[in-house]
Amino acid sequence: MDAYKTINDVLVNLFHEIWELEERAIITGEFQDISNNDMHIIEAVGLGTGRTMSTVARQLGITAGSLTTSMNSLVKKKYVERGRCEEDRRVVYISLTEKGRKAYEHHANFHRQMTRAAIESLSEEELPLLVQTLNSLAVFFRNYGERDIGA
């Protein structure tokens, strides 16, 4: 297989494979009551102090309404808690509970393992090239919707 076909095959299949593997790896045992999407919402909420619903929705690229639906489920399952801003009651802060922090760390551990696996066989000289290549891909995907698709 030539380089172009190999790269195309990897790019086409890798994202799907990561998504499936991640789901099998992280949605286990104590976290069987949530989905991979829920886990990514937990990741976006993060370990810091409360973030606003609108900030998390923007980060995830979803509407506040979609986030609210998922958030209702995560609150009910005790992964996330909500609180209102004292100065402006319209603002809703969300933060992880202890159970949510455990799920966050479980997910982060999978990402650490995945990253280690990607770089462990590379030399110090090869690593910057991988970083440059992945950054180029990230720019392509981030800007794709803004490009003339027919070009």
N, C-alpha and C. Protein backbone atom coordinates (compact mmCIF):
# COMPACT_ATOMS: atom_id res chain seq x y z
N MET A 1 0.86 -1.17 0.00
CA MET A 1 0.00 0.00 0.00
C MET A 1 0.90 1.24 0.00
N ASP A 2 0.61 2.20 -0.89
CA ASP A 2 1.46 3.39 -0.92
C ASP A 2 1.13 4.33 0.24
N ALA A 3 1.97 5.32 0.45
CA ALA A 3 1.84 6.22 1.61
C ALA A 3 0.49 6.94 1.62
N TYR A 4 0.04 7.44 0.47
CA TYR A 4 -1.23 8.15 0.40
C TYR A 4 -2.38 7.26 0.85
N LYS A 5 -2.43 6.05 0.33
CA LYS A 5 -3.51 5.13 0.69
C LYS A 5 -3.44 4.76 2.17
N THR A 6 -2.25 4.56 2.68
CA THR A 6 -2.10 4.23 4.10
C THR A 6 -2.58 5.38 4.98
N ILE A 7 -2.16 6.59 4.65
CA ILE A 7 -2.57 7.76 5.44
C ILE A 7 -4.07 7.95 5.35
N ASN A 8 -4.64 7.82 4.15
CA ASN A 8 -6.08 7.95 3.98
C ASN A 8 -6.81 6.91 4.82
N ASP A 9 -6.36 5.67 4.76
CA ASP A 9 -7.00 4.60 5.52
C ASP A 9 -6.95 4.90 7.02
N VAL A 10 -5.79 5.33 7.50
CA VAL A 10 -5.65 5.65 8.93
C VAL A 10 -6.59 6.79 9.31
N LEU A 11 -6.60 7.86 8.52
CA LEU A 11 -7.44 9.01 8.86
C LEU A 11 -8.93 8.66 8.81
N VAL A 12 -9.32 7.89 7.83
CA VAL A 12 -10.73 7.53 7.69
C VAL A 12 -11.19 6.64 8.85
N ASN A 13 -10.34 5.72 9.25
CA ASN A 13 -10.75 4.74 10.26
C ASN A 13 -10.35 5.08 11.69
N LEU A 14 -9.33 5.87 11.87
CA LEU A 14 -8.79 6.10 13.20
C LEU A 14 -9.79 6.74 14.16
N PHE A 15 -10.49 7.75 13.72
CA PHE A 15 -11.41 8.44 14.61
C PHE A 15 -12.51 7.52 15.11
N HIS A 16 -13.05 6.74 14.20
CA HIS A 16 -14.09 5.77 14.58
C HIS A 16 -13.54 4.73 15.55
N GLU A 17 -12.34 4.24 15.25
CA GLU A 17 -11.73 3.24 16.11
C GLU A 17 -11.42 3.79 17.50
N ILE A 18 -10.93 5.02 17.56
CA ILE A 18 -10.66 5.64 18.86
C ILE A 18 -11.95 5.78 19.64
N TRP A 19 -13.01 6.25 18.99
CA TRP A 19 -14.29 6.44 19.66
C TRP A 19 -14.80 5.12 20.24
N GLU A 20 -14.75 4.05 19.45
CA GLU A 20 -15.22 2.75 19.94
C GLU A 20 -14.34 2.20 21.06
N LEU A 21 -13.04 2.29 20.88
CA LEU A 21 -12.11 1.81 21.91
C LEU A 21 -12.27 2.61 23.20
N GLU A 22 -12.39 3.92 23.04
CA GLU A 22 -12.56 4.77 24.22
C GLU A 22 -13.83 4.38 24.98
N GLU A 23 -14.88 4.14 24.26
CA GLU A 23 -16.13 3.75 24.91
C GLU A 23 -15.97 2.44 25.67
N ARG A 24 -15.32 1.46 25.05
CA ARG A 24 -15.10 0.18 25.74
C ARG A 24 -14.18 0.34 26.94
N ALA A 25 -13.19 1.23 26.82
CA ALA A 25 -12.20 1.40 27.88
C ALA A 25 -12.72 2.21 29.06
N ILE A 26 -13.55 3.19 28.81
CA ILE A 26 -13.94 4.09 29.91
C ILE A 26 -15.35 3.91 30.42
N ILE A 27 -16.24 3.37 29.60
CA ILE A 27 -17.61 3.18 30.05
C ILE A 27 -17.72 1.76 30.59
N THR A 28 -17.10 1.55 31.75
CA THR A 28 -17.06 0.23 32.37
C THR A 28 -17.38 0.35 33.85
N GLY A 29 -17.64 -0.77 34.46
CA GLY A 29 -17.80 -0.83 35.91
C GLY A 29 -18.65 0.27 36.49
N GLU A 30 -18.01 1.11 37.27
CA GLU A 30 -18.77 2.14 37.99
C GLU A 30 -19.31 3.23 37.08
N PHE A 31 -18.90 3.27 35.81
CA PHE A 31 -19.35 4.32 34.89
C PHE A 31 -20.25 3.79 33.78
N GLN A 32 -20.89 2.65 34.01
CA GLN A 32 -21.76 2.06 33.00
C GLN A 32 -23.05 2.84 32.79
N ASP A 33 -23.35 3.75 33.68
CA ASP A 33 -24.61 4.49 33.58
C ASP A 33 -24.51 5.74 32.73
N ILE A 34 -23.35 5.97 32.10
CA ILE A 34 -23.20 7.15 31.24
C ILE A 34 -22.65 6.72 29.88
N SER A 35 -22.77 7.62 28.92
CA SER A 35 -22.30 7.35 27.56
C SER A 35 -20.95 8.04 27.32
N ASN A 36 -20.36 7.74 26.19
CA ASN A 36 -19.13 8.40 25.79
C ASN A 36 -19.36 9.91 25.66
N ASN A 37 -20.52 10.30 25.11
CA ASN A 37 -20.85 11.74 25.02
C ASN A 37 -20.90 12.36 26.41
N ASP A 38 -21.52 11.66 27.35
CA ASP A 38 -21.57 12.16 28.73
C ASP A 38 -20.15 12.35 29.28
N MET A 39 -19.28 11.40 28.99
CA MET A 39 -17.91 11.48 29.50
C MET A 39 -17.21 12.70 28.91
N HIS A 40 -17.49 13.04 27.67
CA HIS A 40 -16.87 14.22 27.08
C HIS A 40 -17.45 15.51 27.65
N ILE A 41 -18.69 15.47 28.07
CA ILE A 41 -19.26 16.63 28.76
C ILE A 41 -18.58 16.78 30.12
N ILE A 42 -18.38 15.68 30.82
CA ILE A 42 -17.67 15.70 32.10
C ILE A 42 -16.27 16.28 31.89
N GLU A 43 -15.62 15.87 30.82
CA GLU A 43 -14.28 16.39 30.51
C GLU A 43 -14.33 17.90 30.28
N ALA A 44 -15.35 18.38 29.57
CA ALA A 44 -15.46 19.81 29.29
C ALA A 44 -15.77 20.61 30.55
N VAL A 45 -16.54 20.05 31.45
CA VAL A 45 -16.82 20.74 32.72
C VAL A 45 -15.51 20.89 33.49
N GLY A 46 -14.71 19.84 33.50
CA GLY A 46 -13.37 19.90 34.08
C GLY A 46 -13.34 19.90 35.60
N LEU A 47 -12.12 19.98 36.11
CA LEU A 47 -11.90 19.87 37.56
C LEU A 47 -11.90 21.20 38.29
N GLY A 48 -11.91 22.29 37.56
CA GLY A 48 -11.86 23.60 38.22
C GLY A 48 -13.15 23.95 38.92
N THR A 49 -13.21 25.16 39.38
CA THR A 49 -14.45 25.63 39.99
C THR A 49 -15.50 25.79 38.90
N GLY A 50 -16.72 26.01 39.30
CA GLY A 50 -17.85 26.02 38.37
C GLY A 50 -17.64 26.80 37.09
N ARG A 51 -18.04 26.20 36.00
CA ARG A 51 -18.05 26.85 34.69
C ARG A 51 -19.49 27.10 34.33
N THR A 52 -19.73 28.06 33.47
CA THR A 52 -21.11 28.33 33.08
C THR A 52 -21.55 27.34 32.01
N MET A 53 -22.85 27.13 31.95
CA MET A 53 -23.43 26.25 30.94
C MET A 53 -23.07 26.76 29.55
N SER A 54 -23.16 28.06 29.33
CA SER A 54 -22.90 28.59 27.99
C SER A 54 -21.44 28.39 27.59
N THR A 55 -20.51 28.50 28.53
CA THR A 55 -19.10 28.28 28.22
C THR A 55 -18.86 26.83 27.80
N VAL A 56 -19.44 25.91 28.53
CA VAL A 56 -19.25 24.48 28.21
C VAL A 56 -19.92 24.15 26.88
N ALA A 57 -21.12 24.69 26.63
CA ALA A 57 -21.81 24.43 25.37
C ALA A 57 -20.98 24.95 24.19
N ARG A 58 -20.43 26.16 24.33
CA ARG A 58 -19.58 26.71 23.27
C ARG A 58 -18.35 25.84 23.03
N GLN A 59 -17.72 25.39 24.11
CA GLN A 59 -16.53 24.55 23.99
C GLN A 59 -16.84 23.26 23.24
N LEU A 60 -18.00 22.69 23.51
CA LEU A 60 -18.40 21.43 22.87
C LEU A 60 -19.02 21.63 21.49
N GLY A 61 -19.32 22.88 21.15
CA GLY A 61 -19.94 23.14 19.85
C GLY A 61 -21.37 22.67 19.76
N ILE A 62 -22.09 22.75 20.89
CA ILE A 62 -23.50 22.35 20.93
C ILE A 62 -24.32 23.50 21.49
N THR A 63 -25.63 23.40 21.34
CA THR A 63 -26.50 24.44 21.87
C THR A 63 -26.65 24.29 23.38
N ALA A 64 -27.01 25.38 24.03
CA ALA A 64 -27.26 25.32 25.47
C ALA A 64 -28.41 24.36 25.77
N GLY A 65 -29.39 24.29 24.87
CA GLY A 65 -30.51 23.37 25.05
C GLY A 65 -30.07 21.91 25.03
N SER A 66 -29.19 21.57 24.10
CA SER A 66 -28.66 20.20 24.04
C SER A 66 -27.87 19.88 25.30
N LEU A 67 -27.06 20.84 25.74
CA LEU A 67 -26.28 20.61 26.95
C LEU A 67 -27.20 20.45 28.15
N THR A 68 -28.26 21.23 28.21
CA THR A 68 -29.20 21.13 29.34
C THR A 68 -29.79 19.74 29.44
N THR A 69 -30.15 19.16 28.31
CA THR A 69 -30.72 17.81 28.30
C THR A 69 -29.72 16.81 28.88
N SER A 70 -28.47 16.87 28.42
CA SER A 70 -27.44 15.97 28.94
C SER A 70 -27.14 16.26 30.40
N MET A 71 -27.10 17.54 30.73
CA MET A 71 -26.78 17.94 32.09
C MET A 71 -27.84 17.45 33.08
N ASN A 72 -29.11 17.49 32.68
CA ASN A 72 -30.18 16.99 33.56
C ASN A 72 -29.91 15.53 33.94
N SER A 73 -29.50 14.74 32.96
CA SER A 73 -29.20 13.33 33.21
C SER A 73 -27.98 13.18 34.11
N LEU A 74 -26.93 13.97 33.86
CA LEU A 74 -25.71 13.87 34.67
C LEU A 74 -25.93 14.35 36.10
N VAL A 75 -26.79 15.32 36.29
CA VAL A 75 -27.13 15.78 37.64
C VAL A 75 -27.90 14.68 38.36
N LYS A 76 -28.87 14.10 37.67
CA LYS A 76 -29.68 13.02 38.26
C LYS A 76 -28.80 11.83 38.67
N LYS A 77 -27.77 11.56 37.88
CA LYS A 77 -26.86 10.44 38.18
C LYS A 77 -25.73 10.85 39.12
N LYS A 78 -25.75 12.10 39.56
CA LYS A 78 -24.81 12.62 40.57
C LYS A 78 -23.36 12.74 40.10
N TYR A 79 -23.18 13.03 38.80
CA TYR A 79 -21.85 13.31 38.26
C TYR A 79 -21.54 14.80 38.28
N VAL A 80 -22.59 15.60 38.18
CA VAL A 80 -22.46 17.05 38.04
C VAL A 80 -23.47 17.72 38.97
N GLU A 81 -23.11 18.91 39.44
CA GLU A 81 -24.07 19.70 40.21
C GLU A 81 -24.16 21.10 39.61
N ARG A 82 -25.33 21.69 39.80
CA ARG A 82 -25.59 23.04 39.29
C ARG A 82 -25.68 24.01 40.46
N GLY A 83 -25.34 25.24 40.15
CA GLY A 83 -25.53 26.31 41.13
C GLY A 83 -25.77 27.62 40.41
N ARG A 84 -26.56 28.47 40.98
CA ARG A 84 -26.85 29.76 40.37
C ARG A 84 -25.87 30.81 40.88
N CYS A 85 -25.56 31.75 40.02
CA CYS A 85 -24.71 32.88 40.38
C CYS A 85 -25.51 33.78 41.32
N GLU A 86 -24.91 34.19 42.41
CA GLU A 86 -25.61 35.05 43.38
C GLU A 86 -25.90 36.43 42.80
N GLU A 87 -24.98 36.96 41.97
CA GLU A 87 -25.16 38.29 41.39
C GLU A 87 -26.17 38.32 40.25
N ASP A 88 -26.22 37.24 39.49
CA ASP A 88 -27.12 37.17 38.35
C ASP A 88 -27.72 35.76 38.31
N ARG A 89 -28.92 35.62 38.81
CA ARG A 89 -29.55 34.31 38.96
C ARG A 89 -29.78 33.60 37.63
N ARG A 90 -29.67 34.32 36.50
CA ARG A 90 -29.84 33.68 35.20
C ARG A 90 -28.63 32.81 34.84
N VAL A 91 -27.48 33.12 35.45
CA VAL A 91 -26.25 32.39 35.15
C VAL A 91 -26.21 31.12 35.98
N VAL A 92 -25.99 29.99 35.30
CA VAL A 92 -25.93 28.69 35.97
C VAL A 92 -24.50 28.17 35.86
N TYR A 93 -23.94 27.86 37.02
CA TYR A 93 -22.61 27.27 37.08
C TYR A 93 -22.75 25.76 37.23
N ILE A 94 -21.85 25.03 36.61
CA ILE A 94 -21.84 23.59 36.74
C ILE A 94 -20.45 23.15 37.19
N SER A 95 -20.43 22.14 38.01
CA SER A 95 -19.15 21.59 38.49
C SER A 95 -19.33 20.10 38.74
N LEU A 96 -18.20 19.41 38.79
CA LEU A 96 -18.23 17.97 39.00
C LEU A 96 -18.38 17.64 40.48
N THR A 97 -19.13 16.61 40.74
CA THR A 97 -19.22 16.05 42.09
C THR A 97 -18.00 15.14 42.28
N GLU A 98 -17.88 14.53 43.43
CA GLU A 98 -16.79 13.57 43.66
C GLU A 98 -16.88 12.43 42.63
N LYS A 99 -18.09 11.94 42.37
CA LYS A 99 -18.29 10.87 41.39
C LYS A 99 -17.88 11.36 40.00
N GLY A 100 -18.21 12.61 39.68
CA GLY A 100 -17.82 13.19 38.40
C GLY A 100 -16.32 13.35 38.27
N ARG A 101 -15.65 13.72 39.37
CA ARG A 101 -14.19 13.85 39.35
C ARG A 101 -13.53 12.48 39.12
N LYS A 102 -14.10 11.43 39.70
CA LYS A 102 -13.57 10.08 39.47
C LYS A 102 -13.71 9.71 38.00
N ALA A 103 -14.86 10.01 37.41
CA ALA A 103 -15.08 9.72 35.98
C ALA A 103 -14.10 10.53 35.13
N TYR A 104 -13.90 11.79 35.48
CA TYR A 104 -12.96 12.65 34.76
C TYR A 104 -11.56 12.04 34.78
N GLU A 105 -11.11 11.62 35.95
CA GLU A 105 -9.77 11.04 36.09
C GLU A 105 -9.66 9.71 35.33
N HIS A 106 -10.72 8.93 35.35
CA HIS A 106 -10.75 7.66 34.61
C HIS A 106 -10.56 7.93 33.11
N HIS A 107 -11.26 8.93 32.60
CA HIS A 107 -11.18 9.31 31.20
C HIS A 107 -9.80 9.88 30.88
N ALA A 108 -9.28 10.74 31.75
CA ALA A 108 -7.96 11.33 31.55
C ALA A 108 -6.88 10.24 31.51
N ASN A 109 -7.05 9.22 32.31
CA ASN A 109 -6.09 8.11 32.33
C ASN A 109 -6.07 7.40 30.97
N PHE A 110 -7.24 7.18 30.38
CA PHE A 110 -7.29 6.59 29.05
C PHE A 110 -6.53 7.46 28.05
N HIS A 111 -6.75 8.77 28.12
CA HIS A 111 -6.07 9.69 27.19
C HIS A 111 -4.56 9.67 27.41
N ARG A 112 -4.12 9.57 28.65
CA ARG A 112 -2.67 9.48 28.91
C ARG A 112 -2.10 8.21 28.29
N GLN A 113 -2.80 7.10 28.44
CA GLN A 113 -2.34 5.83 27.86
C GLN A 113 -2.29 5.91 26.34
N MET A 114 -3.31 6.52 25.74
CA MET A 114 -3.38 6.65 24.29
C MET A 114 -2.23 7.53 23.79
N THR A 115 -1.97 8.62 24.47
CA THR A 115 -0.90 9.53 24.06
C THR A 115 0.46 8.85 24.21
N ARG A 116 0.65 8.16 25.34
CA ARG A 116 1.91 7.43 25.55
C ARG A 116 2.13 6.42 24.43
N ALA A 117 1.09 5.70 24.06
CA ALA A 117 1.22 4.69 22.99
C ALA A 117 1.59 5.33 21.66
N ALA A 118 1.08 6.55 21.42
CA ALA A 118 1.38 7.23 20.16
C ALA A 118 2.82 7.70 20.07
N ILE A 119 3.42 8.01 21.20
CA ILE A 119 4.77 8.60 21.15
C ILE A 119 5.88 7.69 21.64
N GLU A 120 5.55 6.58 22.27
CA GLU A 120 6.61 5.77 22.90
C GLU A 120 7.60 5.17 21.90
N SER A 121 7.17 4.94 20.67
CA SER A 121 8.10 4.34 19.71
C SER A 121 8.84 5.39 18.88
N LEU A 122 8.60 6.67 19.16
CA LEU A 122 9.25 7.73 18.39
C LEU A 122 10.55 8.18 19.04
N SER A 123 11.47 8.59 18.21
CA SER A 123 12.71 9.16 18.72
C SER A 123 12.46 10.64 19.05
N GLU A 124 13.39 11.26 19.74
CA GLU A 124 13.26 12.69 20.05
C GLU A 124 13.19 13.53 18.79
N GLU A 125 13.82 13.07 17.73
CA GLU A 125 13.80 13.80 16.45
C GLU A 125 12.45 13.65 15.75
N GLU A 126 11.81 12.51 15.91
CA GLU A 126 10.54 12.25 15.23
C GLU A 126 9.35 12.94 15.91
N LEU A 127 9.42 13.14 17.20
CA LEU A 127 8.29 13.70 17.95
C LEU A 127 7.84 15.06 17.42
N PRO A 128 8.75 16.01 17.16
CA PRO A 128 8.29 17.31 16.62
C PRO A 128 7.54 17.18 15.29
N LEU A 129 7.93 16.21 14.47
CA LEU A 129 7.24 16.01 13.20
C LEU A 129 5.81 15.51 13.43
N LEU A 130 5.63 14.62 14.39
CA LEU A 130 4.28 14.16 14.72
C LEU A 130 3.44 15.32 15.24
N VAL A 131 4.01 16.13 16.11
CA VAL A 131 3.29 17.29 16.65
C VAL A 131 2.88 18.23 15.51
N GLN A 132 3.80 18.51 14.61
CA GLN A 132 3.52 19.39 13.47
C GLN A 132 2.41 18.80 12.59
N THR A 133 2.48 17.52 12.32
CA THR A 133 1.48 16.85 11.49
C THR A 133 0.11 16.89 12.14
N LEU A 134 0.05 16.57 13.43
CA LEU A 134 -1.24 16.59 14.13
C LEU A 134 -1.81 18.00 14.22
N ASN A 135 -0.95 18.99 14.42
CA ASN A 135 -1.42 20.38 14.43
C ASN A 135 -1.98 20.77 13.08
N SER A 136 -1.35 20.35 12.00
CA SER A 136 -1.87 20.64 10.65
C SER A 136 -3.23 20.01 10.45
N LEU A 137 -3.40 18.76 10.91
CA LEU A 137 -4.71 18.12 10.82
C LEU A 137 -5.75 18.86 11.64
N ALA A 138 -5.37 19.27 12.84
CA ALA A 138 -6.31 19.99 13.71
C ALA A 138 -6.76 21.29 13.05
N VAL A 139 -5.84 22.01 12.43
CA VAL A 139 -6.19 23.25 11.74
C VAL A 139 -7.14 22.96 10.59
N PHE A 140 -6.86 21.90 9.83
CA PHE A 140 -7.74 21.52 8.73
C PHE A 140 -9.17 21.27 9.23
N PHE A 141 -9.30 20.46 10.28
CA PHE A 141 -10.63 20.13 10.79
C PHE A 141 -11.33 21.34 11.39
N ARG A 142 -10.61 22.17 12.10
CA ARG A 142 -11.23 23.36 12.70
C ARG A 142 -11.71 24.34 11.64
N ASN A 143 -11.00 24.42 10.54
CA ASN A 143 -11.33 25.39 9.50
C ASN A 143 -12.18 24.83 8.37
N TYR A 144 -12.42 23.54 8.38
CA TYR A 144 -13.09 22.90 7.25
C TYR A 144 -14.46 23.51 6.96
N GLY A 145 -15.23 23.75 7.98
CA GLY A 145 -16.58 24.29 7.80
C GLY A 145 -16.58 25.69 7.22
N GLU A 146 -15.48 26.41 7.37
CA GLU A 146 -15.39 27.78 6.86
C GLU A 146 -14.89 27.83 5.43
N ARG A 147 -14.39 26.70 4.91
CA ARG A 147 -13.83 26.65 3.56
C ARG A 147 -14.92 26.43 2.54
N ASP A 148 -14.59 26.75 1.31
CA ASP A 148 -15.47 26.44 0.18
C ASP A 148 -15.36 24.94 -0.06
N ILE A 149 -16.39 24.19 0.30
CA ILE A 149 -16.34 22.74 0.27
C ILE A 149 -16.10 22.21 -1.15
N GLY A 150 -16.52 22.91 -2.16
CA GLY A 150 -16.33 22.46 -3.52
C GLY A 150 -14.91 22.64 -4.02
N ALA A 151 -14.08 23.36 -3.28
CA ALA A 151 -12.71 23.65 -3.75
C ALA A 151 -11.82 22.45 -3.69
